[in-house]
Each structure stands twice: as structure tokens, then as C-alpha cells.
């Protein structure tokens, strides 16, 4: 009669926890990448909102909207397109891409009344 070791169920499932962890790792990586992309998107939306308001204000004061937008955006973001529809400012900013996620673009528009004749 062989002695029974503590924790030995006799079923031979020593490697199942390793396989369960290996199955969970890719799912966890995808979740982390999606969360990072959502954070990058929300930060880009916030920065684009502020930049387009700054650009519209500069335009209403007779200054350069492009300069105001570029100064307002963080260093890692640039306006890929700036247009002037109906006296306002519209910008498009590309969201930083995380790994295999698709390229996203945020578009924002603002209009302010002209204070300079």
C-alpha cells in the first residue's frame, strides 16, 4: 500500500491550472489594449475640444487659429486638418493608435462671434 500524499487527488490533473492561465493571458492582453485605446480616445477628445475652442476664440479676435490650435494641443497630438466652415473652426485630430487597434479620428467644430470688425 503506497502512502497518500496531502493534496493528491489521484486524478492526474497537475497541469490544468497552467492551461487555464495560458487561456486567460490572451484575453487579459486584449482587454488591457482596449482599455488603453479608450483612454487615448477620451484624452484626444478632451484635447481636441479645448484646441477647437482656442482656435475659434483666436479667429474671433483676428488672430491665427492654426497657431492657437497647435499651441493648445499636447505635443503628441497634431491637427491633421483645419477648416473654416461658416466663420467657425473645424479640426480633425488622429487618436494615438494602440497596437492592432484601428486608426480613429476625432473631429470637433466651434464658432464664436467675431469681436474684431
N, C-alpha and C. Protein backbone atom coordinates (compact mmCIF):
# COMPACT_ATOMS: atom_id res chain seq x y z
N UNK A 1 0.84 -1.17 0.00
CA UNK A 1 0.00 0.00 0.00
C UNK A 1 0.89 1.24 0.00
N UNK A 2 0.70 2.12 -0.98
CA UNK A 2 1.51 3.33 -1.08
C UNK A 2 0.87 4.44 -0.25
N UNK A 3 1.72 5.27 0.35
CA UNK A 3 1.17 6.35 1.18
C UNK A 3 0.52 7.42 0.29
N UNK A 4 -0.54 7.99 0.76
CA UNK A 4 -1.25 9.05 0.03
C UNK A 4 -0.67 10.38 0.47
N UNK A 5 -0.24 11.16 -0.54
CA UNK A 5 0.30 12.49 -0.23
C UNK A 5 -0.81 13.49 -0.04
N UNK A 6 -0.53 14.49 0.77
CA UNK A 6 -1.50 15.54 1.02
C UNK A 6 -1.78 16.31 -0.27
N UNK A 7 -3.02 16.57 -0.60
CA UNK A 7 -3.39 17.30 -1.79
C UNK A 7 -3.42 16.45 -3.04
N UNK A 8 -3.06 15.19 -2.98
CA UNK A 8 -3.07 14.34 -4.16
C UNK A 8 -4.45 13.74 -4.33
N UNK A 9 -5.12 14.13 -5.40
CA UNK A 9 -6.46 13.62 -5.63
C UNK A 9 -6.43 12.33 -6.42
N UNK A 10 -5.31 12.04 -7.02
CA UNK A 10 -5.20 10.83 -7.80
C UNK A 10 -5.80 10.93 -9.18
N UNK A 11 -6.17 12.12 -9.60
CA UNK A 11 -6.79 12.27 -10.92
C UNK A 11 -5.80 12.64 -12.00
N UNK A 12 -4.61 13.03 -11.66
CA UNK A 12 -3.60 13.36 -12.67
C UNK A 12 -3.83 14.68 -13.36
N UNK A 13 -4.33 15.67 -12.64
CA UNK A 13 -4.60 16.98 -13.25
C UNK A 13 -3.62 18.03 -12.76
N UNK A 14 -2.34 17.70 -12.79
CA UNK A 14 -1.31 18.62 -12.31
C UNK A 14 -1.15 19.85 -13.20
N UNK A 15 -1.38 19.75 -14.50
CA UNK A 15 -1.13 20.86 -15.42
C UNK A 15 -2.35 21.67 -15.78
N UNK A 16 -3.50 21.39 -15.20
CA UNK A 16 -4.71 22.11 -15.61
C UNK A 16 -4.68 23.58 -15.23
N UNK A 17 -4.11 23.92 -14.10
CA UNK A 17 -4.07 25.34 -13.73
C UNK A 17 -3.16 26.12 -14.68
N UNK A 18 -2.09 25.50 -15.14
CA UNK A 18 -1.22 26.15 -16.11
C UNK A 18 -1.96 26.42 -17.41
N UNK A 19 -2.74 25.47 -17.88
CA UNK A 19 -3.51 25.65 -19.11
C UNK A 19 -4.59 26.71 -18.93
N UNK A 20 -5.20 26.77 -17.75
CA UNK A 20 -6.21 27.80 -17.50
C UNK A 20 -5.59 29.19 -17.54
N UNK A 21 -4.40 29.34 -16.98
CA UNK A 21 -3.71 30.63 -17.00
C UNK A 21 -3.32 30.99 -18.43
N UNK A 22 -2.82 30.02 -19.17
CA UNK A 22 -2.43 30.28 -20.56
C UNK A 22 -3.64 30.67 -21.42
N UNK A 23 -4.79 30.18 -21.11
CA UNK A 23 -6.00 30.55 -21.84
C UNK A 23 -6.48 31.94 -21.49
N UNK A 24 -6.19 32.38 -20.28
CA UNK A 24 -6.64 33.68 -19.82
C UNK A 24 -5.73 34.82 -20.27
N UNK A 25 -4.46 34.55 -20.48
CA UNK A 25 -3.48 35.60 -20.82
C UNK A 25 -3.85 36.36 -22.09
N UNK A 26 -4.19 35.70 -23.21
CA UNK A 26 -4.56 36.48 -24.40
C UNK A 26 -5.80 37.35 -24.19
N UNK A 27 -6.76 36.84 -23.45
CA UNK A 27 -7.97 37.63 -23.18
C UNK A 27 -7.62 38.85 -22.33
N UNK A 28 -6.78 38.67 -21.33
CA UNK A 28 -6.36 39.80 -20.49
C UNK A 28 -5.59 40.83 -21.31
N UNK A 29 -4.75 40.38 -22.22
CA UNK A 29 -3.99 41.32 -23.06
C UNK A 29 -4.92 42.14 -23.94
N UNK A 30 -5.92 41.51 -24.54
CA UNK A 30 -6.86 42.23 -25.40
C UNK A 30 -7.65 43.25 -24.57
N UNK A 31 -8.07 42.86 -23.38
CA UNK A 31 -8.80 43.79 -22.51
C UNK A 31 -7.93 44.99 -22.15
N UNK A 32 -6.68 44.77 -21.83
CA UNK A 32 -5.77 45.86 -21.50
C UNK A 32 -5.58 46.79 -22.69
N UNK A 33 -5.41 46.24 -23.89
CA UNK A 33 -5.25 47.06 -25.09
C UNK A 33 -6.50 47.89 -25.37
N UNK A 34 -7.67 47.31 -25.19
CA UNK A 34 -8.91 48.05 -25.42
C UNK A 34 -9.04 49.18 -24.41
N UNK A 35 -8.72 48.92 -23.16
CA UNK A 35 -8.79 49.97 -22.13
C UNK A 35 -7.82 51.11 -22.46
N UNK A 36 -6.61 50.77 -22.88
CA UNK A 36 -5.63 51.80 -23.25
C UNK A 36 -6.12 52.62 -24.44
N UNK A 37 -6.76 51.97 -25.42
CA UNK A 37 -7.27 52.69 -26.58
C UNK A 37 -8.41 53.61 -26.18
N UNK A 38 -9.27 53.18 -25.28
CA UNK A 38 -10.37 54.03 -24.80
C UNK A 38 -9.82 55.24 -24.06
N UNK A 39 -8.79 55.05 -23.26
CA UNK A 39 -8.16 56.17 -22.55
C UNK A 39 -7.54 57.15 -23.55
N UNK A 40 -6.84 56.63 -24.55
CA UNK A 40 -6.24 57.50 -25.57
C UNK A 40 -7.32 58.27 -26.33
N UNK A 41 -8.44 57.62 -26.63
CA UNK A 41 -9.53 58.26 -27.34
C UNK A 41 -10.13 59.38 -26.49
N UNK A 42 -10.40 59.11 -25.22
CA UNK A 42 -11.02 60.13 -24.38
C UNK A 42 -10.09 61.32 -24.15
N UNK A 43 -8.79 61.07 -24.02
CA UNK A 43 -7.84 62.17 -23.86
C UNK A 43 -7.76 63.00 -25.15
N UNK A 44 -7.84 62.35 -26.30
CA UNK A 44 -7.82 63.07 -27.58
C UNK A 44 -9.07 63.92 -27.75
N UNK A 45 -10.22 63.39 -27.36
CA UNK A 45 -11.47 64.16 -27.45
C UNK A 45 -11.38 65.41 -26.58
N UNK A 46 -10.89 65.25 -25.37
CA UNK A 46 -10.77 66.38 -24.46
C UNK A 46 -9.80 67.44 -25.01
N UNK A 47 -8.66 66.99 -25.51
CA UNK A 47 -7.67 67.93 -26.07
C UNK A 47 -8.20 68.61 -27.32
N UNK A 48 -8.93 67.88 -28.17
CA UNK A 48 -9.48 68.47 -29.39
C UNK A 48 -10.55 69.49 -29.07
N UNK A 49 -11.37 69.21 -28.05
CA UNK A 49 -12.39 70.18 -27.64
C UNK A 49 -11.75 71.50 -27.21
N UNK A 50 -10.73 71.40 -26.39
CA UNK A 50 -10.05 72.62 -25.92
C UNK A 50 -9.36 73.34 -27.08
N UNK A 51 -8.72 72.59 -27.96
CA UNK A 51 -7.99 73.20 -29.08
C UNK A 51 -8.94 73.92 -30.04
N UNK A 52 -10.09 73.31 -30.34
CA UNK A 52 -11.01 73.96 -31.27
C UNK A 52 -11.62 75.21 -30.65
N UNK A 53 -11.86 75.20 -29.35
CA UNK A 53 -12.35 76.42 -28.69
C UNK A 53 -11.30 77.51 -28.72
N UNK A 54 -10.04 77.13 -28.46
CA UNK A 54 -8.96 78.11 -28.52
C UNK A 54 -8.79 78.67 -29.94
N UNK A 55 -8.92 77.81 -30.93
CA UNK A 55 -8.82 78.25 -32.32
C UNK A 55 -9.95 79.18 -32.71
N UNK A 56 -11.17 78.86 -32.29
CA UNK A 56 -12.32 79.72 -32.60
C UNK A 56 -12.20 81.06 -31.90
N UNK A 57 -11.70 81.04 -30.67
CA UNK A 57 -11.51 82.31 -29.95
C UNK A 57 -10.45 83.16 -30.63
N UNK A 58 -9.35 82.55 -31.04
CA UNK A 58 -8.30 83.30 -31.73
C UNK A 58 -8.84 83.88 -33.03
N UNK A 59 -9.62 83.10 -33.77
CA UNK A 59 -10.19 83.58 -35.03
C UNK A 59 -11.14 84.75 -34.78
N UNK A 60 -11.92 84.69 -33.70
CA UNK A 60 -12.86 85.78 -33.40
C UNK A 60 -12.14 87.05 -32.99
N UNK A 61 -10.91 86.90 -32.49
CA UNK A 61 -10.11 88.07 -32.11
C UNK A 61 -9.20 88.55 -33.23
N UNK A 62 -9.29 87.92 -34.40
CA UNK A 62 -8.48 88.33 -35.54
C UNK A 62 -7.07 87.75 -35.53
N UNK A 63 -6.84 86.71 -34.75
CA UNK A 63 -5.52 86.07 -34.69
C UNK A 63 -5.53 84.78 -35.50
N UNK A 64 -4.38 84.13 -35.54
CA UNK A 64 -4.25 82.88 -36.30
C UNK A 64 -4.84 81.71 -35.51
N UNK A 65 -5.82 81.06 -36.11
CA UNK A 65 -6.42 79.89 -35.47
C UNK A 65 -5.46 78.71 -35.46
N UNK A 66 -4.67 78.56 -36.54
CA UNK A 66 -3.72 77.44 -36.62
C UNK A 66 -2.71 77.48 -35.49
N UNK A 67 -2.18 78.68 -35.22
CA UNK A 67 -1.19 78.82 -34.15
C UNK A 67 -1.83 78.50 -32.81
N UNK A 68 -3.03 79.00 -32.57
CA UNK A 68 -3.72 78.75 -31.30
C UNK A 68 -4.01 77.26 -31.12
N UNK A 69 -4.40 76.59 -32.19
CA UNK A 69 -4.70 75.16 -32.11
C UNK A 69 -3.44 74.36 -31.82
N UNK A 70 -2.37 74.65 -32.54
CA UNK A 70 -1.13 73.91 -32.33
C UNK A 70 -0.55 74.15 -30.93
N UNK A 71 -0.71 75.36 -30.41
CA UNK A 71 -0.24 75.64 -29.05
C UNK A 71 -1.10 74.95 -28.01
N UNK A 72 -2.36 74.77 -28.30
CA UNK A 72 -3.28 74.17 -27.35
C UNK A 72 -3.17 72.64 -27.28
N UNK A 73 -2.87 72.02 -28.41
CA UNK A 73 -2.78 70.55 -28.42
C UNK A 73 -1.51 70.07 -27.72
N UNK A 74 -1.58 68.93 -27.03
CA UNK A 74 -0.37 68.36 -26.42
C UNK A 74 0.65 67.99 -27.49
N UNK A 75 1.89 67.79 -27.08
CA UNK A 75 2.97 67.52 -28.03
C UNK A 75 2.75 66.26 -28.87
N UNK A 76 2.06 65.27 -28.33
CA UNK A 76 1.89 64.02 -29.07
C UNK A 76 0.71 64.05 -30.04
N UNK A 77 -0.04 65.16 -30.09
CA UNK A 77 -1.18 65.28 -30.99
C UNK A 77 -0.98 66.46 -31.94
N UNK A 78 -1.43 66.28 -33.17
CA UNK A 78 -1.43 67.38 -34.13
C UNK A 78 -2.75 67.36 -34.89
N UNK A 79 -3.18 68.52 -35.30
CA UNK A 79 -4.40 68.61 -36.10
C UNK A 79 -4.08 68.16 -37.52
N UNK A 80 -4.72 67.10 -37.96
CA UNK A 80 -4.45 66.61 -39.31
C UNK A 80 -5.18 67.45 -40.36
N UNK A 81 -6.23 68.16 -39.94
CA UNK A 81 -6.97 69.00 -40.89
C UNK A 81 -7.65 70.13 -40.13
N UNK A 82 -7.53 71.34 -40.65
CA UNK A 82 -8.19 72.51 -40.07
C UNK A 82 -8.97 73.19 -41.18
N UNK A 83 -10.27 73.38 -40.98
CA UNK A 83 -11.11 74.07 -41.96
C UNK A 83 -11.90 75.16 -41.25
N UNK A 84 -12.50 76.04 -42.05
CA UNK A 84 -13.23 77.19 -41.51
C UNK A 84 -14.65 77.25 -42.09
N UNK A 85 -15.55 76.40 -41.61
CA UNK A 85 -16.92 76.43 -42.13
C UNK A 85 -17.75 77.53 -41.45
N UNK A 86 -18.39 78.35 -42.23
CA UNK A 86 -19.33 79.38 -41.75
C UNK A 86 -18.78 80.22 -40.61
N UNK A 87 -17.54 80.67 -40.74
CA UNK A 87 -16.96 81.55 -39.75
C UNK A 87 -16.46 80.88 -38.50
N UNK A 88 -16.53 79.57 -38.43
CA UNK A 88 -16.05 78.84 -37.28
C UNK A 88 -14.77 78.09 -37.60
N UNK A 89 -14.41 77.19 -36.73
CA UNK A 89 -13.21 76.37 -36.92
C UNK A 89 -13.60 74.91 -36.74
N UNK A 90 -13.10 74.06 -37.63
CA UNK A 90 -13.30 72.62 -37.52
C UNK A 90 -11.94 71.95 -37.61
N UNK A 91 -11.64 71.08 -36.65
CA UNK A 91 -10.36 70.37 -36.68
C UNK A 91 -10.60 68.86 -36.65
N UNK A 92 -9.63 68.15 -37.18
CA UNK A 92 -9.61 66.69 -37.11
C UNK A 92 -8.27 66.30 -36.49
N UNK A 93 -8.33 65.45 -35.48
CA UNK A 93 -7.14 65.01 -34.77
C UNK A 93 -7.15 63.49 -34.74
N UNK A 94 -6.03 62.90 -35.12
CA UNK A 94 -5.92 61.44 -35.08
C UNK A 94 -5.63 60.97 -33.66
N UNK A 95 -6.33 59.92 -33.27
CA UNK A 95 -6.14 59.32 -31.95
C UNK A 95 -4.88 58.45 -32.00
N UNK A 96 -3.99 58.54 -31.01
CA UNK A 96 -2.83 57.64 -31.00
C UNK A 96 -3.29 56.19 -31.03
N UNK A 97 -2.67 55.43 -31.90
CA UNK A 97 -3.08 54.03 -32.12
C UNK A 97 -2.34 53.12 -31.15
N UNK A 98 -3.07 52.25 -30.49
CA UNK A 98 -2.50 51.28 -29.56
C UNK A 98 -2.49 49.92 -30.26
N UNK A 99 -1.29 49.39 -30.50
CA UNK A 99 -1.09 48.05 -31.06
C UNK A 99 -1.91 47.83 -32.33
N UNK A 100 -2.82 46.88 -32.31
CA UNK A 100 -3.55 46.47 -33.52
C UNK A 100 -4.89 47.17 -33.66
N UNK A 101 -5.18 48.14 -32.82
CA UNK A 101 -6.46 48.83 -32.86
C UNK A 101 -6.57 49.67 -34.13
N UNK A 102 -7.79 49.92 -34.60
CA UNK A 102 -7.96 50.71 -35.83
C UNK A 102 -7.61 52.18 -35.61
N UNK A 103 -7.27 52.86 -36.69
CA UNK A 103 -6.96 54.29 -36.63
C UNK A 103 -8.26 55.07 -36.50
N UNK A 104 -8.37 55.89 -35.48
CA UNK A 104 -9.55 56.70 -35.24
C UNK A 104 -9.21 58.17 -35.39
N UNK A 105 -10.19 58.96 -35.79
CA UNK A 105 -10.01 60.41 -35.92
C UNK A 105 -11.14 61.10 -35.18
N UNK A 106 -10.80 62.13 -34.42
CA UNK A 106 -11.78 62.93 -33.70
C UNK A 106 -11.95 64.24 -34.46
N UNK A 107 -13.19 64.61 -34.74
CA UNK A 107 -13.49 65.87 -35.42
C UNK A 107 -14.32 66.74 -34.48
N UNK A 108 -13.92 68.00 -34.34
CA UNK A 108 -14.63 68.94 -33.48
C UNK A 108 -14.77 70.27 -34.20
N UNK A 109 -15.88 70.97 -33.90
CA UNK A 109 -16.15 72.25 -34.54
C UNK A 109 -16.63 73.24 -33.50
N UNK A 110 -16.20 74.50 -33.64
CA UNK A 110 -16.64 75.56 -32.72
C UNK A 110 -16.77 76.87 -33.49
N UNK A 111 -17.70 77.68 -33.06
CA UNK A 111 -17.91 79.01 -33.64
C UNK A 111 -18.05 80.01 -32.51
N UNK A 112 -17.37 81.14 -32.64
CA UNK A 112 -17.51 82.22 -31.67
C UNK A 112 -17.81 83.50 -32.45
N UNK A 113 -18.57 84.40 -31.83
CA UNK A 113 -18.86 85.65 -32.53
C UNK A 113 -17.59 86.48 -32.69
N UNK A 114 -17.49 87.11 -33.84
CA UNK A 114 -16.30 87.94 -34.14
C UNK A 114 -16.38 89.22 -33.32
N UNK A 115 -15.32 89.51 -32.56
CA UNK A 115 -15.27 90.72 -31.75
C UNK A 115 -14.45 91.81 -32.39
N UNK A 116 -13.70 91.46 -33.44
CA UNK A 116 -12.90 92.43 -34.16
C UNK A 116 -13.56 92.68 -35.51
N UNK A 117 -13.82 93.94 -35.87
CA UNK A 117 -14.50 94.20 -37.15
C UNK A 117 -13.69 93.78 -38.36
